[in-house]
Amino acid sequence: MSKLFKILFVVLTILLICLSLTGCKKEELRKVRLIEVTHSLFYTPQYVAITEGFFEEEGLKIELINGKGADKCMTALLSGEADIAFMGPEASVYVYNQGREDYAINFAQLTQRDGSFLVAREPDPDFNFEKLRGKEVLGGRKGGMPEMTLEYVIKKHGLMPGEDVNVRTDVQFDVLAGAFVGGEGDYVSLFEPVAATLEKEGKGYVVASIGKEAGYIPYTCYSTTKSIIENEPELVQKFTNAIYKGMLWTQSHSAEEIAKSVKPQFPDTEDEVLVTLINRYREQDSWKPDLIITEEGLNHMMDIMELAGELEKRADYNSIVTTKFAQVAMKNIKK
């Protein structure tokens, strides 16, 4: 019996050790399909939230998809191929005005300025927008926020697109840089790190910040369908919490620390370039610290849409925007 007892004791001990190793296994994370309008350092707080594990803290696992345009992001969201879409809220205005029952609702704002830069073929430290007169600019998809904001800035400087400046809208957003390098256009509007990459290669040079020129705009926001807001509010809250943590972390760390954090998202971009671009976006106050989409901001965006001739009817702020998730995140997560 003594020998048998010892054997049983050893077996039970091994079993207990095995159970202790597996019993502490983390609860299975909820996968969230997040489709982003493009992959850019402009969205740094989002990537910080991913790389610093803030989504995992909220029980979420992000599957990040590059939508390559707001139109494609919205299509993916409405078709159920994505749970959350990250894009300009102009897309949700279009959808709401179509009368769709399960339309998109914006619940958190990440950026508060346009993130694109005007790129020329040669360095021009004395650039002014009058130099665009008689020139051709590759602006992106017609009706998209980057192209409409570019036109807004051009008009602000006394030039008329289509008359004084040829703003081309026939080149898709994700191939703008390639078209420019291939010889099309005199200027092009690009996000980072694409603009910096062209500078490094000597194929283009940043001459102006569209974000600085355009002022405050609810430029890029997170949205999901009305049905997900109603049926899975806990999911939306957890997602918002993680993004807010990423925003706070970004605000409280140096550009060098942030660059190290987001490096896995931009492995081909040199560290010093990452630091330069993060500082560039930070200096122009690109990120919305509280995530709240204001009615004033949405109205300014719709002003730009109307000026571009892309909006016949305004969408109701209270229908396409909710601030409750951002408010809860700010209340519960301490700086």
C-alpha atoms as a PDB file:
ATOM      1  CA  MET A   1       0.000   0.000   0.000  1.00  0.00           C
ATOM      2  CA  SER A   2       2.810   2.311   0.876  1.00  0.00           C
ATOM      3  CA  LYS A   3       4.361   1.876  -2.546  1.00  0.00           C
ATOM      4  CA  LEU A   4       0.990   2.322  -4.281  1.00  0.00           C
ATOM      5  CA  PHE A   5       0.309   5.444  -2.231  1.00  0.00           C
ATOM      6  CA  LYS A   6       3.621   6.937  -3.303  1.00  0.00           C
ATOM      7  CA  ILE A   7       2.851   6.225  -6.958  1.00  0.00           C
ATOM      8  CA  LEU A   8      -0.582   7.811  -6.653  1.00  0.00           C
ATOM      9  CA  PHE A   9       0.934  10.808  -4.855  1.00  0.00           C
ATOM     10  CA  VAL A  10       3.448  11.343  -7.684  1.00  0.00           C
ATOM     11  CA  VAL A  11       0.728  11.015 -10.348  1.00  0.00           C
ATOM     12  CA  LEU A  12      -1.568  13.464  -8.531  1.00  0.00           C
ATOM     13  CA  THR A  13       1.286  15.935  -8.093  1.00  0.00           C
ATOM     14  CA  ILE A  14       2.054  15.829 -11.823  1.00  0.00           C
ATOM     15  CA  LEU A  15      -1.630  16.300 -12.633  1.00  0.00           C
ATOM     16  CA  LEU A  16      -1.870  19.279 -10.295  1.00  0.00           C
ATOM     17  CA  ILE A  17       1.192  20.882 -11.890  1.00  0.00           C
ATOM     18  CA  CYS A  18      -0.275  20.378 -15.362  1.00  0.00           C
ATOM     19  CA  LEU A  19      -3.597  21.829 -14.255  1.00  0.00           C
ATOM     20  CA  SER A  20      -1.865  24.836 -12.709  1.00  0.00           C
ATOM     21  CA  LEU A  21      -0.052  25.513 -15.973  1.00  0.00           C
ATOM     22  CA  THR A  22      -3.194  25.288 -18.102  1.00  0.00           C
ATOM     23  CA  GLY A  23      -5.686  26.630 -15.597  1.00  0.00           C
ATOM     24  CA  CYS A  24      -4.147  30.106 -15.712  1.00  0.00           C
ATOM     25  CA  LYS A  25      -4.617  30.258 -19.446  1.00  0.00           C
ATOM     26  CA  LYS A  26      -6.116  33.596 -20.435  1.00  0.00           C
ATOM     27  CA  GLU A  27      -9.749  33.737 -21.299  1.00  0.00           C
ATOM     28  CA  GLU A  28     -10.189  33.502 -25.052  1.00  0.00           C
ATOM     29  CA  LEU A  29     -10.047  36.936 -26.666  1.00  0.00           C
ATOM     30  CA  ARG A  30     -12.918  38.266 -28.761  1.00  0.00           C
ATOM     31  CA  LYS A  31     -11.695  38.820 -32.325  1.00  0.00           C
ATOM     32  CA  VAL A  32     -12.560  42.215 -33.794  1.00  0.00           C
ATOM     33  CA  ARG A  33     -12.163  42.821 -37.507  1.00  0.00           C
ATOM     34  CA  LEU A  34     -10.997  46.434 -37.794  1.00  0.00           C
ATOM     35  CA  ILE A  35     -10.719  47.870 -41.289  1.00  0.00           C
ATOM     36  CA  GLU A  36      -8.678  51.084 -41.628  1.00  0.00           C
ATOM     37  CA  VAL A  37      -8.863  53.531 -44.504  1.00  0.00           C
ATOM     38  CA  THR A  38      -5.093  53.308 -45.027  1.00  0.00           C
ATOM     39  CA  HIS A  39      -2.024  52.293 -43.030  1.00  0.00           C
ATOM     40  CA  SER A  40      -0.373  55.509 -41.862  1.00  0.00           C
ATOM     41  CA  LEU A  41       1.572  56.957 -38.939  1.00  0.00           C
ATOM     42  CA  PHE A  42      -1.240  59.513 -38.856  1.00  0.00           C
ATOM     43  CA  TYR A  43      -3.060  56.895 -36.774  1.00  0.00           C
ATOM     44  CA  THR A  44      -0.256  56.379 -34.257  1.00  0.00           C
ATOM     45  CA  PRO A  45      -2.450  56.103 -31.098  1.00  0.00           C
ATOM     46  CA  GLN A  46      -4.304  53.192 -32.693  1.00  0.00           C
ATOM     47  CA  TYR A  47      -1.082  51.266 -33.329  1.00  0.00           C
ATOM     48  CA  VAL A  48       0.124  52.047 -29.804  1.00  0.00           C
ATOM     49  CA  ALA A  49      -3.104  50.514 -28.484  1.00  0.00           C
ATOM     50  CA  ILE A  50      -2.323  47.380 -30.497  1.00  0.00           C
ATOM     51  CA  THR A  51       1.389  47.013 -29.722  1.00  0.00           C
ATOM     52  CA  GLU A  52       1.129  47.958 -26.037  1.00  0.00           C
ATOM     53  CA  GLY A  53      -1.541  45.314 -25.437  1.00  0.00           C
ATOM     54  CA  PHE A  54      -4.407  47.645 -24.541  1.00  0.00           C
ATOM     55  CA  PHE A  55      -6.890  45.680 -26.658  1.00  0.00           C
ATOM     56  CA  GLU A  56      -5.875  42.440 -24.916  1.00  0.00           C
ATOM     57  CA  GLU A  57      -6.452  44.176 -21.567  1.00  0.00           C
ATOM     58  CA  GLU A  58     -10.021  44.716 -22.713  1.00  0.00           C
ATOM     59  CA  GLY A  59     -10.415  41.108 -23.863  1.00  0.00           C
ATOM     60  CA  LEU A  60     -10.133  41.899 -27.568  1.00  0.00           C
ATOM     61  CA  LYS A  61      -7.890  40.665 -30.376  1.00  0.00           C
ATOM     62  CA  ILE A  62      -7.605  42.965 -33.380  1.00  0.00           C
ATOM     63  CA  GLU A  63      -7.518  41.684 -36.930  1.00  0.00           C
ATOM     64  CA  LEU A  64      -6.303  44.776 -38.805  1.00  0.00           C
ATOM     65  CA  ILE A  65      -7.299  45.146 -42.458  1.00  0.00           C
ATOM     66  CA  ASN A  66      -6.091  47.872 -44.838  1.00  0.00           C
ATOM     67  CA  GLY A  67      -9.226  48.985 -46.672  1.00  0.00           C
ATOM     68  CA  LYS A  68      -7.364  51.313 -49.072  1.00  0.00           C
ATOM     69  CA  GLY A  69     -10.132  53.898 -49.162  1.00  0.00           C
ATOM     70  CA  ALA A  70     -13.204  54.986 -47.180  1.00  0.00           C
ATOM     71  CA  ASP A  71     -15.598  53.630 -49.805  1.00  0.00           C
ATOM     72  CA  LYS A  72     -14.128  50.148 -49.455  1.00  0.00           C
ATOM     73  CA  CYS A  73     -14.143  50.390 -45.647  1.00  0.00           C
ATOM     74  CA  MET A  74     -17.819  51.307 -45.588  1.00  0.00           C
ATOM     75  CA  THR A  75     -18.695  48.501 -47.994  1.00  0.00           C
ATOM     76  CA  ALA A  76     -16.899  46.003 -45.731  1.00  0.00           C
ATOM     77  CA  LEU A  77     -18.690  47.324 -42.635  1.00  0.00           C
ATOM     78  CA  LEU A  78     -22.171  47.258 -44.150  1.00  0.00           C
ATOM     79  CA  SER A  79     -21.656  43.804 -45.676  1.00  0.00           C
ATOM     80  CA  GLY A  80     -20.540  42.320 -42.347  1.00  0.00           C
ATOM     81  CA  GLU A  81     -16.952  41.711 -43.454  1.00  0.00           C
ATOM     82  CA  ALA A  82     -15.717  44.086 -40.730  1.00  0.00           C
ATOM     83  CA  ASP A  83     -16.953  44.788 -37.205  1.00  0.00           C
ATOM     84  CA  ILE A  84     -15.542  48.306 -36.922  1.00  0.00           C
ATOM     85  CA  ALA A  85     -14.423  50.718 -39.641  1.00  0.00           C
ATOM     86  CA  PHE A  86     -11.901  53.513 -39.272  1.00  0.00           C
ATOM     87  CA  MET A  87     -12.333  56.235 -41.885  1.00  0.00           C
ATOM     88  CA  GLY A  88     -13.598  59.747 -42.485  1.00  0.00           C
ATOM     89  CA  PRO A  89     -17.148  60.305 -41.172  1.00  0.00           C
ATOM     90  CA  GLU A  90     -18.175  61.681 -44.551  1.00  0.00           C
ATOM     91  CA  ALA A  91     -18.809  58.050 -45.544  1.00  0.00           C
ATOM     92  CA  SER A  92     -21.414  57.683 -42.798  1.00  0.00           C
ATOM     93  CA  VAL A  93     -23.128  60.882 -43.988  1.00  0.00           C
ATOM     94  CA  TYR A  94     -23.491  59.420 -47.481  1.00  0.00           C
ATOM     95  CA  VAL A  95     -24.897  56.143 -46.135  1.00  0.00           C
ATOM     96  CA  TYR A  96     -27.345  57.834 -43.757  1.00  0.00           C
ATOM     97  CA  ASN A  97     -28.696  60.012 -46.569  1.00  0.00           C
ATOM     98  CA  GLN A  98     -29.335  56.899 -48.652  1.00  0.00           C
ATOM     99  CA  GLY A  99     -32.022  55.923 -46.117  1.00  0.00           C
ATOM    100  CA  ARG A 100     -30.389  52.657 -45.082  1.00  0.00           C
ATOM    101  CA  GLU A 101     -31.967  51.206 -41.927  1.00  0.00           C
ATOM    102  CA  ASP A 102     -28.767  49.722 -40.456  1.00  0.00           C
ATOM    103  CA  TYR A 103     -26.553  52.724 -41.110  1.00  0.00           C
ATOM    104  CA  ALA A 104     -23.087  53.546 -39.689  1.00  0.00           C
ATOM    105  CA  ILE A 105     -22.698  55.407 -36.398  1.00  0.00           C
ATOM    106  CA  ASN A 106     -19.461  57.172 -35.411  1.00  0.00           C
ATOM    107  CA  PHE A 107     -18.472  56.553 -31.780  1.00  0.00           C
ATOM    108  CA  ALA A 108     -14.883  57.786 -31.370  1.00  0.00           C
ATOM    109  CA  GLN A 109     -12.648  60.330 -33.108  1.00  0.00           C
ATOM    110  CA  LEU A 110      -8.905  59.750 -33.447  1.00  0.00           C
ATOM    111  CA  THR A 111      -7.675  62.591 -35.669  1.00  0.00           C
ATOM    112  CA  GLN A 112      -8.739  66.232 -35.730  1.00  0.00           C
ATOM    113  CA  ARG A 113      -6.873  67.482 -38.781  1.00  0.00           C
ATOM    114  CA  ASP A 114      -6.209  66.335 -42.304  1.00  0.00           C
ATOM    115  CA  GLY A 115      -3.145  64.083 -42.289  1.00  0.00           C
ATOM    116  CA  SER A 116      -1.917  64.653 -45.811  1.00  0.00           C
ATOM    117  CA  PHE A 117       0.974  66.697 -47.151  1.00  0.00           C
ATOM    118  CA  LEU A 118       1.377  68.400 -50.509  1.00  0.00           C
ATOM    119  CA  VAL A 119       4.375  66.928 -52.332  1.00  0.00           C
ATOM    120  CA  ALA A 120       6.228  68.635 -55.209  1.00  0.00           C
ATOM    121  CA  ARG A 121       8.819  67.281 -57.619  1.00  0.00           C
ATOM    122  CA  GLU A 122      11.543  69.643 -56.400  1.00  0.00           C
ATOM    123  CA  PRO A 123      12.350  71.185 -52.999  1.00  0.00           C
ATOM    124  CA  ASP A 124      10.560  74.510 -52.527  1.00  0.00           C
ATOM    125  CA  PRO A 125      11.164  76.167 -49.127  1.00  0.00           C
ATOM    126  CA  ASP A 126       9.359  79.312 -50.358  1.00  0.00           C
ATOM    127  CA  PHE A 127       6.230  77.490 -51.524  1.00  0.00           C
ATOM    128  CA  ASN A 128       2.896  79.297 -51.555  1.00  0.00           C
ATOM    129  CA  PHE A 129      -0.392  78.056 -52.973  1.00  0.00           C
ATOM    130  CA  GLU A 130      -0.350  80.599 -55.796  1.00  0.00           C
ATOM    131  CA  LYS A 131       2.286  78.346 -57.324  1.00  0.00           C
ATOM    132  CA  LEU A 132      -0.461  75.794 -58.009  1.00  0.00           C
ATOM    133  CA  ARG A 133      -2.004  78.085 -60.612  1.00  0.00           C
ATOM    134  CA  GLY A 134      -1.980  76.328 -63.976  1.00  0.00           C
ATOM    135  CA  LYS A 135      -0.652  73.125 -62.406  1.00  0.00           C
ATOM    136  CA  GLU A 136      -2.002  69.600 -62.020  1.00  0.00           C
ATOM    137  CA  VAL A 137      -2.460  68.050 -58.568  1.00  0.00           C
ATOM    138  CA  LEU A 138      -3.220  64.386 -57.915  1.00  0.00           C
ATOM    139  CA  GLY A 139      -5.895  64.662 -55.218  1.00  0.00           C
ATOM    140  CA  GLY A 140      -7.403  61.203 -54.796  1.00  0.00           C
ATOM    141  CA  ARG A 141     -10.942  59.859 -55.009  1.00  0.00           C
ATOM    142  CA  LYS A 142     -13.705  62.375 -55.687  1.00  0.00           C
ATOM    143  CA  GLY A 143     -15.964  62.704 -52.644  1.00  0.00           C
ATOM    144  CA  GLY A 144     -13.306  61.381 -50.264  1.00  0.00           C
ATOM    145  CA  MET A 145     -12.260  63.551 -47.326  1.00  0.00           C
ATOM    146  CA  PRO A 146      -8.601  63.987 -48.440  1.00  0.00           C
ATOM    147  CA  GLU A 147      -9.632  65.271 -51.862  1.00  0.00           C
ATOM    148  CA  MET A 148     -12.413  67.510 -50.523  1.00  0.00           C
ATOM    149  CA  THR A 149     -10.113  69.015 -47.878  1.00  0.00           C
ATOM    150  CA  LEU A 150      -7.451  69.667 -50.518  1.00  0.00           C
ATOM    151  CA  GLU A 151     -10.007  71.545 -52.621  1.00  0.00           C
ATOM    152  CA  TYR A 152     -11.128  73.477 -49.540  1.00  0.00           C
ATOM    153  CA  VAL A 153      -7.538  74.625 -48.885  1.00  0.00           C
ATOM    154  CA  ILE A 154      -7.001  75.548 -52.540  1.00  0.00           C
ATOM    155  CA  LYS A 155     -10.191  77.676 -52.517  1.00  0.00           C
ATOM    156  CA  LYS A 156      -9.139  79.223 -49.214  1.00  0.00           C
ATOM    157  CA  HIS A 157      -6.068  80.558 -51.031  1.00  0.00           C
ATOM    158  CA  GLY A 158      -8.127  82.157 -53.788  1.00  0.00           C
ATOM    159  CA  LEU A 159      -7.796  79.485 -56.472  1.00  0.00           C
ATOM    160  CA  MET A 160     -10.624  77.569 -58.104  1.00  0.00           C
ATOM    161  CA  PRO A 161     -10.205  73.824 -58.787  1.00  0.00           C
ATOM    162  CA  GLY A 162     -11.098  73.048 -62.374  1.00  0.00           C
ATOM    163  CA  GLU A 163     -10.266  76.582 -63.472  1.00  0.00           C
ATOM    164  CA  ASP A 164      -7.022  77.751 -61.886  1.00  0.00           C
ATOM    165  CA  VAL A 165      -5.815  74.314 -60.776  1.00  0.00           C
ATOM    166  CA  ASN A 166      -6.468  70.895 -62.271  1.00  0.00           C
ATOM    167  CA  VAL A 167      -7.210  68.634 -59.297  1.00  0.00           C
ATOM    168  CA  ARG A 168      -7.338  65.097 -60.619  1.00  0.00           C
ATOM    169  CA  THR A 169      -9.748  62.653 -58.998  1.00  0.00           C
ATOM    170  CA  ASP A 170      -9.280  59.730 -61.384  1.00  0.00           C
ATOM    171  CA  VAL A 171      -6.345  58.169 -59.498  1.00  0.00           C
ATOM    172  CA  GLN A 172      -7.219  55.820 -56.628  1.00  0.00           C
ATOM    173  CA  PHE A 173      -5.973  56.778 -53.164  1.00  0.00           C
ATOM    174  CA  ASP A 174      -3.675  53.767 -52.727  1.00  0.00           C
ATOM    175  CA  VAL A 175      -1.796  54.346 -56.006  1.00  0.00           C
ATOM    176  CA  LEU A 176      -1.320  58.126 -55.830  1.00  0.00           C
ATOM    177  CA  ALA A 177       2.395  57.894 -55.013  1.00  0.00           C
ATOM    178  CA  GLY A 178       3.052  55.399 -57.796  1.00  0.00           C
ATOM    179  CA  ALA A 179       1.262  57.565 -60.344  1.00  0.00           C
ATOM    180  CA  PHE A 180       3.244  60.625 -59.256  1.00  0.00           C
ATOM    181  CA  VAL A 181       6.573  58.808 -59.424  1.00  0.00           C
ATOM    182  CA  GLY A 182       5.506  57.543 -62.840  1.00  0.00           C
ATOM    183  CA  GLY A 183       5.321  61.118 -64.097  1.00  0.00           C
ATOM    184  CA  GLU A 184       1.676  62.078 -63.578  1.00  0.00           C
ATOM    185  CA  GLY A 185       0.831  65.475 -62.049  1.00  0.00           C
ATOM    186  CA  ASP A 186       2.972  68.370 -60.860  1.00  0.00           C
ATOM    187  CA  TYR A 187       1.988  67.838 -57.224  1.00  0.00           C
ATOM    188  CA  VAL A 188       0.374  65.079 -55.178  1.00  0.00           C
ATOM    189  CA  SER A 189      -1.329  64.899 -51.783  1.00  0.00           C
ATOM    190  CA  LEU A 190       0.070  62.033 -49.670  1.00  0.00           C
ATOM    191  CA  PHE A 191      -0.045  60.597 -46.150  1.00  0.00           C
ATOM    192  CA  GLU A 192       2.939  59.458 -44.086  1.00  0.00           C
ATOM    193  CA  PRO A 193       5.159  57.528 -44.233  1.00  0.00           C
ATOM    194  CA  VAL A 194       4.637  57.570 -48.017  1.00  0.00           C
ATOM    195  CA  ALA A 195       5.555  61.259 -48.416  1.00  0.00           C
ATOM    196  CA  ALA A 196       8.728  60.832 -46.359  1.00  0.00           C
ATOM    197  CA  THR A 197       9.678  57.755 -48.363  1.00  0.00           C
ATOM    198  CA  LEU A 198       9.514  59.772 -51.596  1.00  0.00           C
ATOM    199  CA  GLU A 199      11.655  62.484 -49.988  1.00  0.00           C
ATOM    200  CA  LYS A 200      14.257  59.957 -48.936  1.00  0.00           C
ATOM    201  CA  GLU A 201      14.351  58.510 -52.450  1.00  0.00           C
ATOM    202  CA  GLY A 202      14.593  61.998 -53.991  1.00  0.00           C
ATOM    203  CA  LYS A 203      11.330  61.477 -55.884  1.00  0.00           C
ATOM    204  CA  GLY A 204       9.219  64.115 -54.134  1.00  0.00           C
ATOM    205  CA  TYR A 205       9.408  66.851 -51.500  1.00  0.00           C
ATOM    206  CA  VAL A 206       6.866  68.003 -48.902  1.00  0.00           C
ATOM    207  CA  VAL A 207       6.051  71.675 -49.443  1.00  0.00           C
ATOM    208  CA  ALA A 208       2.892  72.168 -47.343  1.00  0.00           C
ATOM    209  CA  SER A 209       0.738  70.562 -44.638  1.00  0.00           C
ATOM    210  CA  ILE A 210      -2.890  70.287 -45.701  1.00  0.00           C
ATOM    211  CA  GLY A 211      -3.783  69.654 -42.050  1.00  0.00           C
ATOM    212  CA  LYS A 212      -2.352  72.968 -40.876  1.00  0.00           C
ATOM    213  CA  GLU A 213      -4.076  74.832 -43.698  1.00  0.00           C
ATOM    214  CA  ALA A 214      -7.516  73.238 -43.222  1.00  0.00           C
ATOM    215  CA  GLY A 215      -7.840  73.620 -39.440  1.00  0.00           C
ATOM    216  CA  TYR A 216      -9.949  71.461 -37.124  1.00  0.00           C
ATOM    217  CA  ILE A 217     -11.986  68.675 -38.755  1.00  0.00           C
ATOM    218  CA  PRO A 218     -13.301  65.366 -37.354  1.00  0.00           C
ATOM    219  CA  TYR A 219     -11.100  63.759 -39.968  1.00  0.00           C
ATOM    220  CA  THR A 220     -10.895  60.085 -39.052  1.00  0.00           C
ATOM    221  CA  CYS A 221     -13.345  58.302 -36.750  1.00  0.00           C
ATOM    222  CA  TYR A 222     -14.355  54.821 -35.671  1.00  0.00           C
ATOM    223  CA  SER A 223     -17.795  53.685 -36.722  1.00  0.00           C
ATOM    224  CA  THR A 224     -19.883  50.567 -36.609  1.00  0.00           C
ATOM    225  CA  THR A 225     -23.404  49.664 -37.621  1.00  0.00           C
ATOM    226  CA  LYS A 226     -26.480  50.755 -35.695  1.00  0.00           C
ATOM    227  CA  SER A 227     -27.253  47.084 -34.994  1.00  0.00           C
ATOM    228  CA  ILE A 228     -23.848  46.465 -33.359  1.00  0.00           C
ATOM    229  CA  ILE A 229     -24.227  49.626 -31.257  1.00  0.00           C
ATOM    230  CA  GLU A 230     -27.600  48.319 -30.039  1.00  0.00           C
ATOM    231  CA  ASN A 231     -26.751  44.621 -29.671  1.00  0.00           C
ATOM    232  CA  GLU A 232     -23.081  44.679 -28.634  1.00  0.00           C
ATOM    233  CA  PRO A 233     -22.483  47.906 -26.683  1.00  0.00           C
ATOM    234  CA  GLU A 234     -19.974  46.145 -24.420  1.00  0.00           C
ATOM    235  CA  LEU A 235     -17.797  45.356 -27.449  1.00  0.00           C
ATOM    236  CA  VAL A 236     -17.867  48.993 -28.587  1.00  0.00           C
ATOM    237  CA  GLN A 237     -17.048  50.196 -25.064  1.00  0.00           C
ATOM    238  CA  LYS A 238     -14.073  47.855 -24.719  1.00  0.00           C
ATOM    239  CA  PHE A 239     -12.772  48.957 -28.103  1.00  0.00           C
ATOM    240  CA  THR A 240     -13.130  52.625 -27.163  1.00  0.00           C
ATOM    241  CA  ASN A 241     -11.375  52.016 -23.845  1.00  0.00           C
ATOM    242  CA  ALA A 242      -8.377  50.508 -25.646  1.00  0.00           C
ATOM    243  CA  ILE A 243      -8.141  53.391 -28.114  1.00  0.00           C
ATOM    244  CA  TYR A 244      -8.341  55.907 -25.272  1.00  0.00           C
ATOM    245  CA  LYS A 245      -5.524  54.110 -23.435  1.00  0.00           C
ATOM    246  CA  GLY A 246      -3.478  54.314 -26.641  1.00  0.00           C
ATOM    247  CA  MET A 247      -4.195  58.040 -26.881  1.00  0.00           C
ATOM    248  CA  LEU A 248      -3.135  58.661 -23.272  1.00  0.00           C
ATOM    249  CA  TRP A 249       0.050  56.603 -23.730  1.00  0.00           C
ATOM    250  CA  THR A 250       0.923  58.557 -26.873  1.00  0.00           C
ATOM    251  CA  GLN A 251       0.437  61.873 -25.094  1.00  0.00           C
ATOM    252  CA  SER A 252       2.659  60.898 -22.159  1.00  0.00           C
ATOM    253  CA  HIS A 253       5.631  59.376 -24.010  1.00  0.00           C
ATOM    254  CA  SER A 254       8.445  60.754 -26.137  1.00  0.00           C
ATOM    255  CA  ALA A 255       8.567  60.486 -29.916  1.00  0.00           C
ATOM    256  CA  GLU A 256      11.437  57.992 -29.560  1.00  0.00           C
ATOM    257  CA  GLU A 257       9.376  55.775 -27.226  1.00  0.00           C
ATOM    258  CA  ILE A 258       6.359  56.004 -29.513  1.00  0.00           C
ATOM    259  CA  ALA A 259       8.491  55.117 -32.553  1.00  0.00           C
ATOM    260  CA  LYS A 260       9.759  52.022 -30.760  1.00  0.00           C
ATOM    261  CA  SER A 261       6.195  51.041 -29.887  1.00  0.00           C
ATOM    262  CA  VAL A 262       4.792  51.361 -33.427  1.00  0.00           C
ATOM    263  CA  LYS A 263       7.854  49.916 -35.173  1.00  0.00           C
ATOM    264  CA  PRO A 264       6.206  46.462 -35.625  1.00  0.00           C
ATOM    265  CA  GLN A 265       3.514  48.195 -37.688  1.00  0.00           C
ATOM    266  CA  PHE A 266       6.094  49.949 -39.894  1.00  0.00           C
ATOM    267  CA  PRO A 267       9.068  47.548 -40.035  1.00  0.00           C
ATOM    268  CA  ASP A 268      10.410  48.994 -43.298  1.00  0.00           C
ATOM    269  CA  THR A 269      10.538  52.593 -42.042  1.00  0.00           C
ATOM    270  CA  GLU A 270      13.785  53.712 -40.414  1.00  0.00           C
ATOM    271  CA  ASP A 271      13.613  54.661 -36.735  1.00  0.00           C
ATOM    272  CA  GLU A 272      14.765  58.237 -37.292  1.00  0.00           C
ATOM    273  CA  VAL A 273      12.081  58.701 -39.968  1.00  0.00           C
ATOM    274  CA  LEU A 274       9.425  57.373 -37.578  1.00  0.00           C
ATOM    275  CA  VAL A 275      10.534  59.879 -34.932  1.00  0.00           C
ATOM    276  CA  THR A 276      10.494  62.762 -37.414  1.00  0.00           C
ATOM    277  CA  LEU A 277       7.001  61.918 -38.657  1.00  0.00           C
ATOM    278  CA  ILE A 278       5.566  61.373 -35.187  1.00  0.00           C
ATOM    279  CA  ASN A 279       6.882  64.790 -34.185  1.00  0.00           C
ATOM    280  CA  ARG A 280       5.439  66.261 -37.395  1.00  0.00           C
ATOM    281  CA  TYR A 281       1.948  64.975 -36.585  1.00  0.00           C
ATOM    282  CA  ARG A 282       2.246  65.850 -32.909  1.00  0.00           C
ATOM    283  CA  GLU A 283       3.364  69.438 -33.634  1.00  0.00           C
ATOM    284  CA  GLN A 284       0.324  70.108 -35.800  1.00  0.00           C
ATOM    285  CA  ASP A 285      -2.005  68.750 -33.085  1.00  0.00           C
ATOM    286  CA  SER A 286      -3.272  65.877 -35.209  1.00  0.00           C
ATOM    287  CA  TRP A 287      -4.823  63.666 -32.518  1.00  0.00           C
ATOM    288  CA  LYS A 288      -8.114  64.195 -30.653  1.00  0.00           C
ATOM    289  CA  PRO A 289      -7.262  63.667 -26.969  1.00  0.00           C
ATOM    290  CA  ASP A 290     -10.792  63.000 -25.699  1.00  0.00           C
ATOM    291  CA  LEU A 291     -12.129  60.993 -28.709  1.00  0.00           C
ATOM    292  CA  ILE A 292     -15.373  63.025 -28.683  1.00  0.00           C
ATOM    293  CA  ILE A 293     -16.889  63.988 -32.039  1.00  0.00           C
ATOM    294  CA  THR A 294     -18.449  67.425 -31.617  1.00  0.00           C
ATOM    295  CA  GLU A 295     -21.457  68.761 -33.487  1.00  0.00           C
ATOM    296  CA  GLU A 296     -19.463  71.849 -34.426  1.00  0.00           C
ATOM    297  CA  GLY A 297     -16.754  69.663 -35.950  1.00  0.00           C
ATOM    298  CA  LEU A 298     -19.218  67.547 -37.913  1.00  0.00           C
ATOM    299  CA  ASN A 299     -20.904  70.675 -39.257  1.00  0.00           C
ATOM    300  CA  HIS A 300     -17.529  72.052 -40.400  1.00  0.00           C
ATOM    301  CA  MET A 301     -16.865  68.790 -42.218  1.00  0.00           C
ATOM    302  CA  MET A 302     -20.266  69.015 -43.938  1.00  0.00           C
ATOM    303  CA  ASP A 303     -19.474  72.634 -44.880  1.00  0.00           C
ATOM    304  CA  ILE A 304     -16.426  71.299 -46.732  1.00  0.00           C
ATOM    305  CA  MET A 305     -18.525  68.595 -48.386  1.00  0.00           C
ATOM    306  CA  GLU A 306     -21.064  71.187 -49.568  1.00  0.00           C
ATOM    307  CA  LEU A 307     -18.303  73.454 -50.847  1.00  0.00           C
ATOM    308  CA  ALA A 308     -16.974  70.514 -52.868  1.00  0.00           C
ATOM    309  CA  GLY A 309     -20.452  69.944 -54.338  1.00  0.00           C
ATOM    310  CA  GLU A 310     -20.687  66.471 -52.759  1.00  0.00           C
ATOM    311  CA  LEU A 311     -23.528  67.020 -50.288  1.00  0.00           C
ATOM    312  CA  GLU A 312     -27.142  67.910 -51.028  1.00  0.00           C
ATOM    313  CA  LYS A 313     -28.598  67.068 -47.601  1.00  0.00           C
ATOM    314  CA  ARG A 314     -26.966  67.253 -44.178  1.00  0.00           C
ATOM    315  CA  ALA A 315     -27.085  64.260 -41.856  1.00  0.00           C
ATOM    316  CA  ASP A 316     -28.465  64.595 -38.333  1.00  0.00           C
ATOM    317  CA  TYR A 317     -25.626  64.750 -35.781  1.00  0.00           C
ATOM    318  CA  ASN A 318     -27.514  62.796 -33.106  1.00  0.00           C
ATOM    319  CA  SER A 319     -28.295  60.032 -35.587  1.00  0.00           C
ATOM    320  CA  ILE A 320     -24.793  59.343 -36.905  1.00  0.00           C
ATOM    321  CA  VAL A 321     -22.763  60.238 -33.799  1.00  0.00           C
ATOM    322  CA  THR A 322     -22.721  58.904 -30.250  1.00  0.00           C
ATOM    323  CA  THR A 323     -20.344  60.219 -27.586  1.00  0.00           C
ATOM    324  CA  LYS A 324     -21.397  57.937 -24.715  1.00  0.00           C
ATOM    325  CA  PHE A 325     -18.600  55.397 -25.196  1.00  0.00           C
ATOM    326  CA  ALA A 326     -15.870  58.070 -25.241  1.00  0.00           C
ATOM    327  CA  GLN A 327     -17.391  59.721 -22.176  1.00  0.00           C
ATOM    328  CA  VAL A 328     -17.397  56.444 -20.225  1.00  0.00           C
ATOM    329  CA  ALA A 329     -13.781  55.759 -21.227  1.00  0.00           C
ATOM    330  CA  MET A 330     -12.680  59.204 -20.033  1.00  0.00           C
ATOM    331  CA  LYS A 331     -14.543  58.768 -16.754  1.00  0.00           C
ATOM    332  CA  ASN A 332     -13.198  55.312 -15.939  1.00  0.00           C
ATOM    333  CA  ILE A 333      -9.646  55.467 -17.290  1.00  0.00           C
ATOM    334  CA  LYS A 334      -7.359  57.802 -15.406  1.00  0.00           C
ATOM    335  CA  LYS A 335      -4.664  59.856 -17.076  1.00  0.00           C
END
